[in-house]
C-alpha atoms as a PDB file:
ATOM      1  CA  MET A   1      32.526  -7.156  52.230  1.00  0.00           C
ATOM      2  CA  LYS A   2      34.266  -9.137  49.457  1.00  0.00           C
ATOM      3  CA  PRO A   3      34.884 -12.227  51.650  1.00  0.00           C
ATOM      4  CA  VAL A   4      31.169 -12.302  52.472  1.00  0.00           C
ATOM      5  CA  LEU A   5      30.285 -12.239  48.755  1.00  0.00           C
ATOM      6  CA  ALA A   6      32.763 -15.037  48.087  1.00  0.00           C
ATOM      7  CA  ILE A   7      31.239 -17.172  50.847  1.00  0.00           C
ATOM      8  CA  VAL A   8      27.716 -16.521  49.557  1.00  0.00           C
ATOM      9  CA  GLY A   9      28.848 -17.440  46.028  1.00  0.00           C
ATOM     10  CA  VAL A  10      30.376 -20.715  47.219  1.00  0.00           C
ATOM     11  CA  ILE A  11      27.164 -21.540  49.101  1.00  0.00           C
ATOM     12  CA  ILE A  12      25.041 -20.850  46.003  1.00  0.00           C
ATOM     13  CA  VAL A  13      27.294 -23.013  43.820  1.00  0.00           C
ATOM     14  CA  GLY A  14      27.156 -25.779  46.430  1.00  0.00           C
ATOM     15  CA  ILE A  15      23.354 -25.665  46.525  1.00  0.00           C
ATOM     16  CA  ALA A  16      23.190 -25.757  42.703  1.00  0.00           C
ATOM     17  CA  ILE A  17      25.464 -28.821  42.595  1.00  0.00           C
ATOM     18  CA  TRP A  18      23.476 -30.526  45.359  1.00  0.00           C
ATOM     19  CA  LEU A  19      20.195 -29.890  43.497  1.00  0.00           C
ATOM     20  CA  GLY A  20      21.685 -31.184  40.246  1.00  0.00           C
ATOM     21  CA  VAL A  21      22.801 -34.392  41.936  1.00  0.00           C
ATOM     22  CA  THR A  22      19.678 -35.068  43.995  1.00  0.00           C
ATOM     23  CA  LEU A  23      16.898 -34.088  41.564  1.00  0.00           C
ATOM     24  CA  ILE A  24      17.876 -36.622  38.895  1.00  0.00           C
ATOM     25  CA  ASP A  25      17.912 -40.409  39.371  1.00  0.00           C
ATOM     26  CA  VAL A  26      19.097 -42.297  36.272  1.00  0.00           C
ATOM     27  CA  ASP A  27      19.008 -46.114  36.174  1.00  0.00           C
ATOM     28  CA  GLN A  28      20.356 -48.147  33.245  1.00  0.00           C
ATOM     29  CA  THR A  29      17.684 -50.642  32.192  1.00  0.00           C
ATOM     30  CA  GLN A  30      19.487 -52.350  29.306  1.00  0.00           C
ATOM     31  CA  GLU A  31      23.158 -53.059  28.639  1.00  0.00           C
ATOM     32  CA  ALA A  32      24.879 -51.697  25.546  1.00  0.00           C
ATOM     33  CA  GLU A  33      25.908 -54.092  22.820  1.00  0.00           C
ATOM     34  CA  LEU A  34      28.562 -53.401  20.194  1.00  0.00           C
ATOM     35  CA  PRO A  35      27.830 -54.336  16.605  1.00  0.00           C
ATOM     36  CA  ASP A  36      29.403 -57.435  15.086  1.00  0.00           C
ATOM     37  CA  VAL A  37      31.994 -56.328  12.561  1.00  0.00           C
ATOM     38  CA  ASP A  38      32.279 -58.823   9.734  1.00  0.00           C
ATOM     39  CA  VAL A  39      31.840 -58.559   6.042  1.00  0.00           C
ATOM     40  CA  GLU A  40      28.230 -58.408   6.998  1.00  0.00           C
ATOM     41  CA  VAL A  41      27.422 -55.800   9.673  1.00  0.00           C
ATOM     42  CA  GLU A  42      24.578 -56.253  12.100  1.00  0.00           C
ATOM     43  CA  GLY A  43      23.281 -53.280  14.009  1.00  0.00           C
ATOM     44  CA  GLY A  44      24.238 -52.757  17.619  1.00  0.00           C
ATOM     45  CA  GLN A  45      22.055 -51.703  20.457  1.00  0.00           C
ATOM     46  CA  ALA A  46      22.235 -48.512  22.470  1.00  0.00           C
ATOM     47  CA  PRO A  47      21.519 -48.759  26.190  1.00  0.00           C
ATOM     48  CA  GLU A  48      18.114 -47.686  27.504  1.00  0.00           C
ATOM     49  CA  PHE A  49      17.662 -45.561  30.618  1.00  0.00           C
ATOM     50  CA  ASP A  50      14.763 -44.700  32.883  1.00  0.00           C
ATOM     51  CA  ALA A  51      15.210 -41.262  34.445  1.00  0.00           C
ATOM     52  CA  ASP A  52      13.187 -40.026  37.418  1.00  0.00           C
ATOM     53  CA  VAL A  53      13.588 -36.258  37.359  1.00  0.00           C
ATOM     54  CA  GLY A  54      12.442 -34.017  40.194  1.00  0.00           C
ATOM     55  CA  SER A  55       9.770 -31.472  39.428  1.00  0.00           C
ATOM     56  CA  ILE A  56       9.750 -27.816  40.265  1.00  0.00           C
ATOM     57  CA  GLU A  57       6.559 -25.819  40.083  1.00  0.00           C
ATOM     58  CA  THR A  58       6.827 -22.116  39.355  1.00  0.00           C
ATOM     59  CA  GLY A  59       4.243 -19.398  39.189  1.00  0.00           C
ATOM     60  CA  THR A  60       3.492 -15.818  40.023  1.00  0.00           C
ATOM     61  CA  THR A  61       1.455 -14.255  42.766  1.00  0.00           C
ATOM     62  CA  GLU A  62       0.423 -10.620  43.024  1.00  0.00           C
ATOM     63  CA  VAL A  63       1.213  -9.147  46.411  1.00  0.00           C
ATOM     64  CA  GLU A  64       0.580  -5.585  47.547  1.00  0.00           C
ATOM     65  CA  VAL A  65       3.429  -4.247  49.645  1.00  0.00           C
ATOM     66  CA  THR A  66       3.165  -1.109  51.740  1.00  0.00           C
ATOM     67  CA  VAL A  67       6.354   0.897  51.483  1.00  0.00           C
ATOM     68  CA  PRO A  68       7.019   3.221  54.406  1.00  0.00           C
ATOM     69  CA  THR A  69       7.888   6.868  53.847  1.00  0.00           C
ATOM     70  CA  VAL A  70      11.212   7.807  55.365  1.00  0.00           C
ATOM     71  CA  ASP A  71      12.064  11.401  56.240  1.00  0.00           C
ATOM     72  CA  VAL A  72      15.715  12.109  56.827  1.00  0.00           C
ATOM     73  CA  ASN A  73      16.535  15.348  58.601  1.00  0.00           C
ATOM     74  CA  THR A  74      20.192  16.219  58.711  1.00  0.00           C
ATOM     75  CA  PRO A  75      21.476  19.264  60.534  1.00  0.00           C
ATOM     76  CA  GLU A  76      22.956  21.933  58.333  1.00  0.00           C
ATOM     77  CA  GLU A  77      26.492  22.744  59.348  1.00  0.00           C
ATOM     78  CA  GLU A  78      28.717  25.472  58.081  1.00  0.00           C
ATOM     79  CA  ALA A  79      32.314  24.628  57.417  1.00  0.00           C
ATOM     80  CA  GLU A  80      35.249  26.864  56.798  1.00  0.00           C
ATOM     81  CA  ALA A  81      38.024  25.908  54.443  1.00  0.00           C
ATOM     82  CA  GLU A  82      40.980  27.784  53.074  1.00  0.00           C
ATOM     83  CA  VAL A  83      41.376  27.503  49.337  1.00  0.00           C
ATOM     84  CA  GLU A  84      44.353  28.890  47.471  1.00  0.00           C
ATOM     85  CA  VAL A  85      43.777  29.824  43.870  1.00  0.00           C
ATOM     86  CA  GLU A  86      46.665  30.629  41.612  1.00  0.00           C
ATOM     87  CA  GLU A  87      45.873  32.720  38.606  1.00  0.00           C
ATOM     88  CA  PRO A  88      47.809  31.894  35.449  1.00  0.00           C
ATOM     89  CA  GLU A  89      50.250  34.422  34.194  1.00  0.00           C
ATOM     90  CA  VAL A  90      49.054  36.367  31.188  1.00  0.00           C
ATOM     91  CA  GLU A  91      51.584  37.717  28.738  1.00  0.00           C
ATOM     92  CA  GLU A  92      51.207  41.127  27.246  1.00  0.00           C
ATOM     93  CA  GLY A  93      48.704  41.302  24.434  1.00  0.00           C
ATOM     94  CA  GLU A  94      46.776  38.207  25.633  1.00  0.00           C
ATOM     95  CA  THR A  95      43.503  38.364  27.424  1.00  0.00           C
ATOM     96  CA  ASN A  96      42.346  36.059  30.188  1.00  0.00           C
ATOM     97  CA  ASN A  97      38.804  34.847  29.393  1.00  0.00           C
END
C-alpha cells in the first residue's frame, strides 16, 4: 500500500509543478539599467514585465446524494480456547482483593 501512496504523491507533485510552469507566462518588456555611480548619482531603472496568468474559477454547488443502507449479517460462531490463569501467591496475613 505504501508504494501506491508514494506513486500517487509523485504524480500530484508532478501535476502541481506542471500547472505552475504552464499557467504563468512572463515576458520581459524593458531591460534593466544600473545607476551611474559618480559623485552625482542618477537613478536606475528596474525592468518591467507583462505577465499572462491563467485563471481558475472556483465555486460551490449543492448536490443531493443518496447513500445506500448496507446490512451486514455475519454468522455467529462459537470458539473454544484454553486459557491458563495463574493466581499470585498470597502470604499469610495478606488478603487478595
